[in-house]
Structures are given as structure tokens and as C-alpha cells.
Protein backbone atom coordinates (compact mmCIF):
# COMPACT_ATOMS: atom_id res chain seq x y z
CA UNK A 1 123.31 87.75 99.86
CA UNK A 2 120.59 87.88 97.33
CA UNK A 3 121.06 90.42 94.35
CA UNK A 4 118.22 93.12 94.26
CA UNK A 5 115.97 92.84 91.65
CA UNK A 6 113.37 94.93 90.39
CA UNK A 7 110.03 94.40 91.28
CA UNK A 8 106.85 96.29 89.52
CA UNK A 9 103.19 96.12 90.65
CA UNK A 10 100.37 95.04 88.12
CA UNK A 11 98.91 98.52 89.49
CA UNK A 12 98.42 100.21 86.03
CA UNK A 13 98.60 104.19 85.88
CA UNK A 14 95.67 105.94 84.67
CA UNK A 15 95.20 109.50 83.92
CA UNK A 16 92.07 111.35 85.35
CA UNK A 17 90.33 113.13 82.69
CA UNK A 18 90.20 116.06 85.42
CA UNK A 19 93.67 116.68 84.69
CA UNK A 20 93.21 117.97 81.56
CA UNK A 21 90.49 120.63 82.44
CA UNK A 22 89.24 123.48 81.06
CA UNK A 23 90.43 121.15 78.08
CA UNK A 24 87.81 118.42 77.01
CA UNK A 25 87.10 114.66 78.27
CA UNK A 26 87.95 113.73 74.40
CA UNK A 27 91.38 115.34 74.95
CA UNK A 28 92.44 113.73 78.03
CA UNK A 29 91.92 110.25 75.98
CA UNK A 30 94.31 111.61 73.13
CA UNK A 31 97.15 112.74 75.46
CA UNK A 32 96.76 109.46 77.88
CA UNK A 33 97.35 107.22 74.62
CA UNK A 34 100.05 109.44 73.25
CA UNK A 35 101.79 109.79 76.63
CA UNK A 36 101.82 106.23 77.07
CA UNK A 37 99.31 105.66 80.11
CA UNK A 38 97.92 102.55 80.85
CA UNK A 39 94.47 103.82 81.06
CA UNK A 40 91.99 107.00 82.17
CA UNK A 41 89.99 107.78 84.93
CA UNK A 42 86.90 109.31 83.38
CA UNK A 43 85.45 112.24 86.09
CA UNK A 44 81.66 112.57 85.22
CA UNK A 45 80.75 116.08 85.25
CA UNK A 46 79.43 118.93 82.96
CA UNK A 47 81.18 117.68 79.67
CA UNK A 48 78.65 116.04 78.02
CA UNK A 49 80.85 113.50 76.60
CA UNK A 50 81.68 112.24 80.07
CA UNK A 51 78.21 111.57 80.69
CA UNK A 52 77.83 109.43 77.46
CA UNK A 53 78.27 105.76 77.48
CA UNK A 54 78.38 105.20 74.12
CA UNK A 55 80.81 108.61 73.30
CA UNK A 56 82.84 107.44 75.86
CA UNK A 57 83.26 104.00 74.33
CA UNK A 58 84.15 105.10 71.07
CA UNK A 59 86.77 107.04 72.48
CA UNK A 60 88.17 104.01 74.16
CA UNK A 61 88.26 102.05 71.13
CA UNK A 62 89.49 104.62 68.72
CA UNK A 63 92.57 105.76 70.85
CA UNK A 64 93.25 102.01 72.64
CA UNK A 65 92.92 103.37 76.17
CA UNK A 66 91.23 101.44 78.49
CA UNK A 67 88.59 103.11 81.01
CA UNK A 68 89.77 101.87 84.38
CA UNK A 69 87.94 104.19 86.63
CA UNK A 70 84.70 106.12 86.94
CA UNK A 71 84.41 109.04 89.51
CA UNK A 72 81.09 109.43 90.12
CA UNK A 73 79.40 112.97 89.85
CA UNK A 74 80.09 114.13 93.22
CA UNK A 75 81.14 118.02 93.06
CA UNK A 76 79.43 121.06 94.17
CA UNK A 77 78.60 121.37 90.35
CA UNK A 78 77.67 118.46 89.59
CA UNK A 79 74.83 117.80 91.73
CA UNK A 80 72.10 117.50 89.08
CA UNK A 81 74.31 115.47 86.00
CA UNK A 82 72.34 112.46 85.60
CA UNK A 83 69.98 112.98 88.64
CA UNK A 84 69.52 115.09 91.48
CA UNK A 85 69.54 111.69 93.53
CA UNK A 86 72.57 110.94 95.04
CA UNK A 87 71.63 107.35 94.93
CA UNK A 88 70.82 107.62 91.36
CA UNK A 89 73.95 109.12 90.50
CA UNK A 90 75.72 106.15 92.09
CA UNK A 91 73.26 103.55 89.89
CA UNK A 92 74.27 105.28 87.09
CA UNK A 93 78.20 105.47 87.56
CA UNK A 94 78.06 101.57 88.67
CA UNK A 95 76.25 101.08 85.28
CA UNK A 96 78.56 102.68 83.37
CA UNK A 97 81.91 100.89 85.05
CA UNK A 98 80.22 97.53 84.34
CA UNK A 99 79.66 98.61 80.28
CA UNK A 100 82.51 100.42 80.03
CA UNK A 101 84.74 97.38 81.53
CA UNK A 102 86.33 99.61 84.63
CA UNK A 103 86.67 98.01 87.89
CA UNK A 104 86.20 101.31 90.19
CA UNK A 105 83.68 103.83 90.99
CA UNK A 106 85.12 106.80 93.03
CA UNK A 107 82.85 108.30 95.59
CA UNK A 108 83.32 111.24 97.87
CA UNK A 109 81.73 111.19 101.12
CA UNK A 110 77.97 112.92 101.19
CA UNK A 111 77.90 116.71 101.70
CA UNK A 112 76.36 117.55 105.59
CA UNK A 113 73.33 119.38 103.78
CA UNK A 114 72.27 116.01 102.25
CA UNK A 115 70.99 114.70 105.38
CA UNK A 116 69.13 111.35 104.26
CA UNK A 117 72.12 110.61 102.16
CA UNK A 118 74.42 110.80 104.68
CA UNK A 119 72.33 109.01 107.19
CA UNK A 120 72.27 105.82 104.97
CA UNK A 121 75.64 106.52 103.27
CA UNK A 122 77.47 103.81 105.10
CA UNK A 123 75.36 101.09 104.83
CA UNK A 124 74.15 102.04 101.27
CA UNK A 125 77.66 101.51 99.95
CA UNK A 126 77.86 98.35 101.64
CA UNK A 127 74.65 97.25 99.79
CA UNK A 128 75.97 98.53 96.68
CA UNK A 129 78.98 96.82 96.60
CA UNK A 130 77.50 93.43 97.41
CA UNK A 131 75.30 93.85 94.25
CA UNK A 132 78.27 94.13 91.77
CA UNK A 133 82.14 93.11 91.15
CA UNK A 134 83.03 96.92 91.03
CA UNK A 135 84.83 98.42 93.81
CA UNK A 136 83.38 101.33 95.38
CA UNK A 137 85.99 103.17 96.72
CA UNK A 138 85.36 105.92 99.03
CA UNK A 139 87.39 108.74 99.09
CA UNK A 140 89.08 110.74 101.75
CA UNK A 141 88.03 114.70 101.42
CA UNK A 142 89.21 117.65 104.02
CA UNK A 143 87.73 120.39 106.13
CA UNK A 144 86.66 123.64 104.16
CA UNK A 145 88.75 126.79 105.73
CA UNK A 146 88.48 130.13 105.65
CA UNK A 147 91.32 132.34 107.37
CA UNK A 148 90.97 131.14 110.89
CA UNK A 149 87.62 129.35 110.67
CA UNK A 150 87.10 125.62 109.37
CA UNK A 151 83.49 124.22 108.60
CA UNK A 152 83.32 120.53 108.42
CA UNK A 153 81.17 119.89 104.96
CA UNK A 154 81.29 116.21 104.81
CA UNK A 155 78.94 113.44 106.62
CA UNK A 156 79.70 110.79 108.27
CA UNK A 157 83.25 113.01 107.61
CA UNK A 158 85.87 113.85 105.36
CA UNK A 159 87.98 111.00 106.53
CA UNK A 160 86.61 107.67 105.59
CA UNK A 161 88.99 105.65 107.94
CA UNK A 162 86.22 106.71 110.78
CA UNK A 163 83.75 104.36 108.98
CA UNK A 164 83.49 100.75 107.71
CA UNK A 165 83.87 100.80 103.80
CA UNK A 166 85.31 97.78 101.68
CA UNK A 167 87.51 100.14 99.56
CA UNK A 168 88.78 103.19 100.23
CA UNK A 169 90.86 105.93 97.65
CA UNK A 170 93.39 107.93 98.81
CA UNK A 171 93.96 111.51 97.26
CA UNK A 172 97.54 113.03 98.55
CA UNK A 173 96.43 116.70 97.48
CA UNK A 174 93.25 115.61 99.78
CA UNK A 175 95.76 114.91 102.89
CA UNK A 176 97.98 118.04 102.29
CA UNK A 177 94.73 120.27 102.55
CA UNK A 178 93.56 118.39 105.39
CA UNK A 179 97.07 118.33 106.84
CA UNK A 180 96.77 115.16 108.45
CA UNK A 181 99.60 112.21 108.54
CA UNK A 182 99.50 110.70 105.24
CA UNK A 183 101.29 107.52 105.81
CA UNK A 184 99.09 107.08 109.01
CA UNK A 185 96.00 107.64 107.34
CA UNK A 186 96.83 104.60 104.35
CA UNK A 187 98.09 102.66 107.30
CA UNK A 188 94.39 102.92 108.87
CA UNK A 189 92.98 101.91 105.08
CA UNK A 190 95.78 98.79 105.25
CA UNK A 191 94.31 96.31 102.38
CA UNK A 192 91.27 97.91 101.81
CA UNK A 193 93.32 100.60 100.03
CA UNK A 194 91.89 99.65 96.44
CA UNK A 195 92.73 103.12 94.81
CA UNK A 196 95.04 106.29 94.43
CA UNK A 197 94.45 109.46 93.18
CA UNK A 198 98.50 110.96 92.76
CA UNK A 199 98.88 114.50 93.48
CA UNK A 200 100.99 116.37 95.53
CA UNK A 201 100.49 119.37 98.13
CA UNK A 202 101.74 122.01 100.30
CA UNK A 203 98.87 122.29 103.08
CA UNK A 204 97.29 125.21 101.17
CA UNK A 205 93.43 125.72 102.10
CA UNK A 206 93.15 125.29 98.25
CA UNK A 207 92.86 121.74 96.81
CA UNK A 208 96.07 122.09 94.94
CA UNK A 209 96.67 118.71 93.04
CA UNK A 210 100.28 119.40 92.19
CA UNK A 211 102.27 117.63 90.10
CA UNK A 212 104.34 114.59 92.20
CA UNK A 213 107.19 115.50 93.68
CA UNK A 214 106.73 119.34 93.59
CA UNK A 215 104.53 119.44 97.42
CA UNK A 216 105.17 118.16 100.63
CA UNK A 217 103.31 114.73 100.48
CA UNK A 218 104.99 111.07 100.45
CA UNK A 219 104.03 110.79 96.93
CA UNK A 220 107.39 108.54 96.10
CA UNK A 221 107.18 106.74 99.74
CA UNK A 222 103.89 105.36 98.93
CA UNK A 223 104.42 104.28 95.46
CA UNK A 224 107.22 102.70 96.67
CA UNK A 225 105.18 100.94 99.19
CA UNK A 226 102.79 99.85 96.98
CA UNK A 227 105.50 98.33 94.83
CA UNK A 228 106.03 95.74 97.52
CA UNK A 229 102.93 95.18 98.99
CA UNK A 230 101.06 93.28 96.29
CA UNK A 231 98.85 96.38 95.54
CA UNK A 232 96.11 95.71 92.37
CA UNK A 233 94.42 98.64 92.23
CA UNK A 234 95.17 101.83 90.27
CA UNK A 235 97.31 104.72 90.39
CA UNK A 236 95.38 107.73 88.83
CA UNK A 237 97.14 110.90 88.09
CA UNK A 238 94.98 113.75 89.24
CA UNK A 239 96.89 117.14 89.00
CA UNK A 240 95.67 120.75 88.03
CA UNK A 241 96.83 121.97 84.81
CA UNK A 242 94.59 124.82 84.21
CA UNK A 243 97.42 127.43 84.59
CA UNK A 244 99.37 125.82 81.72
CA UNK A 245 100.46 128.31 79.35
CA UNK A 246 99.97 126.09 76.53
CA UNK A 247 99.26 122.61 75.30
CA UNK A 248 102.62 121.20 75.36
CA UNK A 249 103.36 122.70 78.86
CA UNK A 250 100.42 120.88 79.82
CA UNK A 251 101.53 117.24 78.64
CA UNK A 252 104.98 118.18 79.61
CA UNK A 253 103.36 118.58 83.46
CA UNK A 254 101.71 115.11 82.47
CA UNK A 255 104.32 113.57 81.05
CA UNK A 256 106.66 114.33 84.28
CA UNK A 257 103.83 112.80 86.59
CA UNK A 258 103.65 109.62 84.91
CA UNK A 259 107.62 109.34 84.74
CA UNK A 260 107.44 110.22 88.02
CA UNK A 261 105.01 107.36 89.36
CA UNK A 262 106.85 104.45 86.82
CA UNK A 263 110.20 105.67 88.67
CA UNK A 264 108.49 104.93 92.43
CA UNK A 265 106.56 101.98 91.61
CA UNK A 266 109.50 99.97 90.33
CA UNK A 267 110.93 98.67 93.70
CA UNK A 268 114.10 97.33 94.16
CA UNK A 269 113.50 94.39 96.53
CA UNK A 270 116.38 91.57 97.50
CA UNK A 271 114.86 88.26 96.84
CA UNK A 272 116.67 85.17 98.71
CA UNK A 273 117.58 82.63 95.94
CA UNK A 274 117.41 85.11 92.98
């Protein structure tokens, strides 16, 4: 019988700059380098540094930490970052990724009230993807809930697997909030799963972004599956540390998330002849 060998996929583990909020984008680079992350994903938001390509390049060079992905400004609070036109924001995100050497732009589905943008979104994402080597990875979201009421805030919908996209981002905090079958969604994504936002959740109506292993999502199962599937995207730690009582507590959470990810990405496989 073949002996088990450890196979670790080529996937790099990155830190989302959102994981250090309310600290700055610059702080995320410093922490990522100190803890041994392979790179960062830049969340473009109201922090001026996150919008400044040259400032980001200097941070990357100074800390020796590459920028692996750019998260386009898609949040409610970032609707005027770079432009009020959502297509211009995506074009700016693509340009940023190209100039910074990132391979992926993460994008959310449109809000329902962005009617023209939502109407053209699927075809527009394909058109933009055809113009670049950058992956446009559309992220799963969730219904908005208040008490017993549910609002469908996204169009074409919060589940991107209902549409035909070239690449997807799976976010496990969002699957928890949506109360959907995470592994079934990953199965529907199949080989088009190009990017992972790793976090945990317990099914709260609030998007929790817990450290992996602290909720009920199949974080370990997902990572172990990636290890054996030839996944060539990035795994990005995107957790909420805003309640950390100190910088040391924040870094401990981010170190724990990194250790969890590396442990479960190392898959023991039985390989014939080895």
C-alpha cells in the first residue's frame, strides 16, 4: 500500500486589508509581513491609501509582500470611491490589479436599485474578462434580514451560481449569513472557483467574518478539498477583528487564522508508487 504523502497546493494565503479595520491599509501590510502571509488583498474603500496605486506599490516593496488581489469598491459606503459610475470603478480596479501585479479583481453583484448596471452586469463582466488576463471573480452575497423579514438586495441575485460567470469568489461568512449549503454552492462553482474569502459564521443575520474554526462553516473541509483539486487561486483571510481589545489580540487572531489555513491546506494523500 502506498504511503501517505503531504501535498500542498500552489494556492497562496493572503490577508485582506479589511481584516485589520479600523486600523489602516498600511497596517495590514505590516502585519501580513510580520506573520508570514504570502500576500495581501487590497480592499478599496475610504482609506486614501487603498485608492492610491503608487502608495500601495511602495507599501508592497517596503514590506516585501505582494498584492495578490484587488477588491473593487462595491460596499454601500464606497459607492463614490474612484467614481459614482460602477463600471468606471471596475475599470479602475482592473487597472490597479494590472499595475500592481495582482491576478484577481473581486466584485460583488450589483444592488437592485442599480438597475442599468444590474441589467448589463453578466454580459459586462464577460466583456471585461475578455479584455484582460485578470480574473473577475464574482462573490456570493446573502439576503438582507430584519427580524422575520427578508429583502433581496442584489441583482441578478445574491447567489452568483444562478448566472454564467467565468470565475467565482466563495465567501464562507456570506454562506453562513445566507444559511445556504456551502459545499453545494462550491460544487456548483466547480472549476470556476477562482478565489476564496476564508472566514466563519454561525448563521446570524449579521455578516460575522469569524476566525476560521469558530463558527459552523466547513472551512476545514473546503481547504482540504482545495488541496486535492489542483486549485490555483488564492485563499484570502477576511475576518472581523474590530472588537480586538489590543493590537496584540488582533495579531493573535490573524495568526490563528493563518495557522488554521495552512494546516488544512496540507492534505495527506495516498499516491501510488510513492
